[in-house]
C-alpha atoms as a PDB file:
ATOM      1  CA  UNK A   1     -11.783  44.457  93.838  1.00  0.00           C
ATOM      2  CA  UNK A   2     -13.176  46.685  91.029  1.00  0.00           C
ATOM      3  CA  UNK A   3     -16.608  45.759  89.762  1.00  0.00           C
ATOM      4  CA  UNK A   4     -16.730  44.344  86.251  1.00  0.00           C
ATOM      5  CA  UNK A   5     -18.505  46.482  83.627  1.00  0.00           C
ATOM      6  CA  UNK A   6     -21.957  45.215  82.695  1.00  0.00           C
ATOM      7  CA  UNK A   7     -21.924  43.257  79.443  1.00  0.00           C
ATOM      8  CA  UNK A   8     -25.448  42.660  78.184  1.00  0.00           C
ATOM      9  CA  UNK A   9     -26.717  39.408  76.750  1.00  0.00           C
ATOM     10  CA  UNK A  10     -28.627  40.114  73.565  1.00  0.00           C
ATOM     11  CA  UNK A  11     -30.579  37.580  71.560  1.00  0.00           C
ATOM     12  CA  UNK A  12     -31.128  38.223  67.866  1.00  0.00           C
ATOM     13  CA  UNK A  13     -33.817  36.636  65.730  1.00  0.00           C
ATOM     14  CA  UNK A  14     -32.709  37.237  62.142  1.00  0.00           C
ATOM     15  CA  UNK A  15     -34.481  36.541  58.869  1.00  0.00           C
ATOM     16  CA  UNK A  16     -32.540  33.985  56.820  1.00  0.00           C
ATOM     17  CA  UNK A  17     -32.861  35.937  53.586  1.00  0.00           C
ATOM     18  CA  UNK A  18     -31.941  39.442  54.672  1.00  0.00           C
ATOM     19  CA  UNK A  19     -30.660  40.275  58.147  1.00  0.00           C
ATOM     20  CA  UNK A  20     -28.807  36.977  58.644  1.00  0.00           C
ATOM     21  CA  UNK A  21     -27.187  37.484  55.232  1.00  0.00           C
ATOM     22  CA  UNK A  22     -26.333  41.079  56.223  1.00  0.00           C
ATOM     23  CA  UNK A  23     -24.658  39.721  59.366  1.00  0.00           C
ATOM     24  CA  UNK A  24     -22.748  37.258  57.196  1.00  0.00           C
ATOM     25  CA  UNK A  25     -21.635  40.100  54.917  1.00  0.00           C
ATOM     26  CA  UNK A  26     -20.401  42.020  57.959  1.00  0.00           C
ATOM     27  CA  UNK A  27     -18.426  38.963  59.020  1.00  0.00           C
ATOM     28  CA  UNK A  28     -16.784  38.289  55.662  1.00  0.00           C
ATOM     29  CA  UNK A  29     -16.048  42.026  55.365  1.00  0.00           C
ATOM     30  CA  UNK A  30     -14.304  41.785  58.756  1.00  0.00           C
ATOM     31  CA  UNK A  31     -16.425  44.542  60.244  1.00  0.00           C
ATOM     32  CA  UNK A  32     -16.160  44.652  64.027  1.00  0.00           C
ATOM     33  CA  UNK A  33     -19.223  44.661  66.269  1.00  0.00           C
ATOM     34  CA  UNK A  34     -19.836  43.820  69.937  1.00  0.00           C
ATOM     35  CA  UNK A  35     -19.784  40.094  70.761  1.00  0.00           C
ATOM     36  CA  UNK A  36     -22.822  40.465  73.046  1.00  0.00           C
ATOM     37  CA  UNK A  37     -25.321  39.159  70.515  1.00  0.00           C
ATOM     38  CA  UNK A  38     -26.328  35.531  70.049  1.00  0.00           C
ATOM     39  CA  UNK A  39     -28.150  34.844  66.812  1.00  0.00           C
ATOM     40  CA  UNK A  40     -31.041  32.574  65.994  1.00  0.00           C
ATOM     41  CA  UNK A  41     -31.675  32.287  62.273  1.00  0.00           C
ATOM     42  CA  UNK A  42     -35.348  32.117  61.353  1.00  0.00           C
ATOM     43  CA  UNK A  43     -36.841  31.753  57.894  1.00  0.00           C
ATOM     44  CA  UNK A  44     -38.825  34.978  58.319  1.00  0.00           C
ATOM     45  CA  UNK A  45     -39.100  37.632  61.012  1.00  0.00           C
ATOM     46  CA  UNK A  46     -42.839  36.943  60.878  1.00  0.00           C
ATOM     47  CA  UNK A  47     -42.235  33.522  62.418  1.00  0.00           C
ATOM     48  CA  UNK A  48     -40.918  34.996  65.673  1.00  0.00           C
ATOM     49  CA  UNK A  49     -43.798  34.618  68.081  1.00  0.00           C
ATOM     50  CA  UNK A  50     -44.348  36.748  71.189  1.00  0.00           C
ATOM     51  CA  UNK A  51     -43.690  33.564  73.167  1.00  0.00           C
ATOM     52  CA  UNK A  52     -40.139  33.380  71.784  1.00  0.00           C
ATOM     53  CA  UNK A  53     -39.404  36.965  72.790  1.00  0.00           C
ATOM     54  CA  UNK A  54     -40.905  36.671  76.266  1.00  0.00           C
ATOM     55  CA  UNK A  55     -39.082  33.376  76.820  1.00  0.00           C
ATOM     56  CA  UNK A  56     -35.785  35.044  75.855  1.00  0.00           C
ATOM     57  CA  UNK A  57     -36.301  37.691  78.525  1.00  0.00           C
ATOM     58  CA  UNK A  58     -37.401  35.063  81.025  1.00  0.00           C
ATOM     59  CA  UNK A  59     -34.225  33.061  80.381  1.00  0.00           C
ATOM     60  CA  UNK A  60     -31.968  36.058  81.018  1.00  0.00           C
ATOM     61  CA  UNK A  61     -31.642  38.102  77.830  1.00  0.00           C
ATOM     62  CA  UNK A  62     -31.070  41.782  78.532  1.00  0.00           C
ATOM     63  CA  UNK A  63     -32.288  42.723  75.057  1.00  0.00           C
ATOM     64  CA  UNK A  64     -33.884  41.157  71.996  1.00  0.00           C
ATOM     65  CA  UNK A  65     -33.146  42.352  68.468  1.00  0.00           C
ATOM     66  CA  UNK A  66     -35.354  41.207  65.614  1.00  0.00           C
ATOM     67  CA  UNK A  67     -34.135  41.736  62.070  1.00  0.00           C
ATOM     68  CA  UNK A  68     -36.050  41.240  58.863  1.00  0.00           C
ATOM     69  CA  UNK A  69     -36.406  42.193  55.227  1.00  0.00           C
ATOM     70  CA  UNK A  70     -37.339  45.728  54.299  1.00  0.00           C
ATOM     71  CA  UNK A  71     -41.053  46.393  53.863  1.00  0.00           C
ATOM     72  CA  UNK A  72     -42.063  45.157  50.422  1.00  0.00           C
ATOM     73  CA  UNK A  73     -39.051  42.830  50.120  1.00  0.00           C
ATOM     74  CA  UNK A  74     -40.231  39.947  52.324  1.00  0.00           C
ATOM     75  CA  UNK A  75     -39.631  36.584  50.666  1.00  0.00           C
ATOM     76  CA  UNK A  76     -42.907  35.435  52.209  1.00  0.00           C
ATOM     77  CA  UNK A  77     -44.753  38.570  51.034  1.00  0.00           C
ATOM     78  CA  UNK A  78     -46.376  39.694  54.315  1.00  0.00           C
ATOM     79  CA  UNK A  79     -44.076  38.369  57.020  1.00  0.00           C
ATOM     80  CA  UNK A  80     -42.657  41.717  58.028  1.00  0.00           C
ATOM     81  CA  UNK A  81     -46.158  43.193  58.365  1.00  0.00           C
ATOM     82  CA  UNK A  82     -46.923  40.485  60.935  1.00  0.00           C
ATOM     83  CA  UNK A  83     -43.639  41.319  62.640  1.00  0.00           C
ATOM     84  CA  UNK A  84     -44.618  44.981  62.993  1.00  0.00           C
ATOM     85  CA  UNK A  85     -47.913  44.031  64.653  1.00  0.00           C
ATOM     86  CA  UNK A  86     -46.198  41.621  67.038  1.00  0.00           C
ATOM     87  CA  UNK A  87     -43.487  44.075  68.026  1.00  0.00           C
ATOM     88  CA  UNK A  88     -46.031  46.799  68.781  1.00  0.00           C
ATOM     89  CA  UNK A  89     -48.048  44.325  70.872  1.00  0.00           C
ATOM     90  CA  UNK A  90     -44.945  43.150  72.731  1.00  0.00           C
ATOM     91  CA  UNK A  91     -43.683  46.666  73.423  1.00  0.00           C
ATOM     92  CA  UNK A  92     -47.087  47.600  74.838  1.00  0.00           C
ATOM     93  CA  UNK A  93     -47.104  44.416  76.927  1.00  0.00           C
ATOM     94  CA  UNK A  94     -43.590  45.076  78.242  1.00  0.00           C
ATOM     95  CA  UNK A  95     -44.531  48.654  79.132  1.00  0.00           C
ATOM     96  CA  UNK A  96     -47.728  47.482  80.849  1.00  0.00           C
ATOM     97  CA  UNK A  97     -45.748  45.046  83.006  1.00  0.00           C
ATOM     98  CA  UNK A  98     -43.188  47.698  83.998  1.00  0.00           C
ATOM     99  CA  UNK A  99     -40.432  46.285  81.786  1.00  0.00           C
ATOM    100  CA  UNK A 100     -38.564  48.719  79.509  1.00  0.00           C
ATOM    101  CA  UNK A 101     -39.959  48.350  75.961  1.00  0.00           C
ATOM    102  CA  UNK A 102     -36.628  49.690  74.647  1.00  0.00           C
ATOM    103  CA  UNK A 103     -35.137  46.266  75.387  1.00  0.00           C
ATOM    104  CA  UNK A 104     -36.928  45.002  72.274  1.00  0.00           C
ATOM    105  CA  UNK A 105     -35.852  46.428  68.924  1.00  0.00           C
ATOM    106  CA  UNK A 106     -36.889  45.768  65.333  1.00  0.00           C
ATOM    107  CA  UNK A 107     -34.707  46.685  62.367  1.00  0.00           C
ATOM    108  CA  UNK A 108     -35.010  46.079  58.631  1.00  0.00           C
ATOM    109  CA  UNK A 109     -31.588  45.079  57.270  1.00  0.00           C
ATOM    110  CA  UNK A 110     -31.051  43.690  53.772  1.00  0.00           C
ATOM    111  CA  UNK A 111     -28.419  41.180  52.709  1.00  0.00           C
ATOM    112  CA  UNK A 112     -26.366  44.021  51.199  1.00  0.00           C
ATOM    113  CA  UNK A 113     -26.319  46.125  54.372  1.00  0.00           C
ATOM    114  CA  UNK A 114     -23.443  44.689  56.389  1.00  0.00           C
ATOM    115  CA  UNK A 115     -22.400  48.118  57.725  1.00  0.00           C
ATOM    116  CA  UNK A 116     -25.983  48.857  58.791  1.00  0.00           C
ATOM    117  CA  UNK A 117     -26.047  45.538  60.642  1.00  0.00           C
ATOM    118  CA  UNK A 118     -22.875  46.491  62.527  1.00  0.00           C
ATOM    119  CA  UNK A 119     -24.221  49.953  63.370  1.00  0.00           C
ATOM    120  CA  UNK A 120     -27.523  48.475  64.591  1.00  0.00           C
ATOM    121  CA  UNK A 121     -25.809  45.959  66.864  1.00  0.00           C
ATOM    122  CA  UNK A 122     -23.455  48.620  68.254  1.00  0.00           C
ATOM    123  CA  UNK A 123     -26.251  51.093  68.941  1.00  0.00           C
ATOM    124  CA  UNK A 124     -28.535  48.486  70.489  1.00  0.00           C
ATOM    125  CA  UNK A 125     -25.730  47.121  72.687  1.00  0.00           C
ATOM    126  CA  UNK A 126     -24.962  50.645  73.939  1.00  0.00           C
ATOM    127  CA  UNK A 127     -28.647  51.280  74.638  1.00  0.00           C
ATOM    128  CA  UNK A 128     -28.897  48.065  76.676  1.00  0.00           C
ATOM    129  CA  UNK A 129     -25.698  48.916  78.573  1.00  0.00           C
ATOM    130  CA  UNK A 130     -27.266  52.248  79.566  1.00  0.00           C
ATOM    131  CA  UNK A 131     -30.456  50.502  80.704  1.00  0.00           C
ATOM    132  CA  UNK A 132     -28.429  48.066  82.799  1.00  0.00           C
ATOM    133  CA  UNK A 133     -29.148  44.419  83.550  1.00  0.00           C
ATOM    134  CA  UNK A 134     -32.662  43.118  83.098  1.00  0.00           C
ATOM    135  CA  UNK A 135     -34.741  43.242  86.256  1.00  0.00           C
ATOM    136  CA  UNK A 136     -35.776  39.648  85.576  1.00  0.00           C
ATOM    137  CA  UNK A 137     -32.194  38.600  86.325  1.00  0.00           C
ATOM    138  CA  UNK A 138     -32.422  40.300  89.717  1.00  0.00           C
ATOM    139  CA  UNK A 139     -35.722  38.554  90.495  1.00  0.00           C
ATOM    140  CA  UNK A 140     -34.238  35.222  89.423  1.00  0.00           C
ATOM    141  CA  UNK A 141     -31.199  35.687  91.674  1.00  0.00           C
ATOM    142  CA  UNK A 142     -33.296  36.534  94.726  1.00  0.00           C
END
């Protein structure tokens, strides 16, 4: 029996005001993107704590995509600056623990950038497919 191609599970934390609206624009524009992503809408990307990201990986996510407003456009003024600091910390932590930091990605996508949303999801899904399943899944199964 041929082995099924790996389909990654990706969790997205998207800012309500920008990236989530960009995803909505992609949907109403009928733009096609991989169905691998599951979205959690947050009021600001700055509210996504490192705990949320680590818990996503622990629960089986192969990748985590965080989307927020462009720098200077945050509805909460400094939320995306906090996001940058947290992402850098998390990528360093993932690298330190031997986990690929590329499994975590941050992208600024405005409400008017539906095509950019689609391109980001496609590219990130392909990157995760190349990396393969998360090693945490293998540890869990053992």
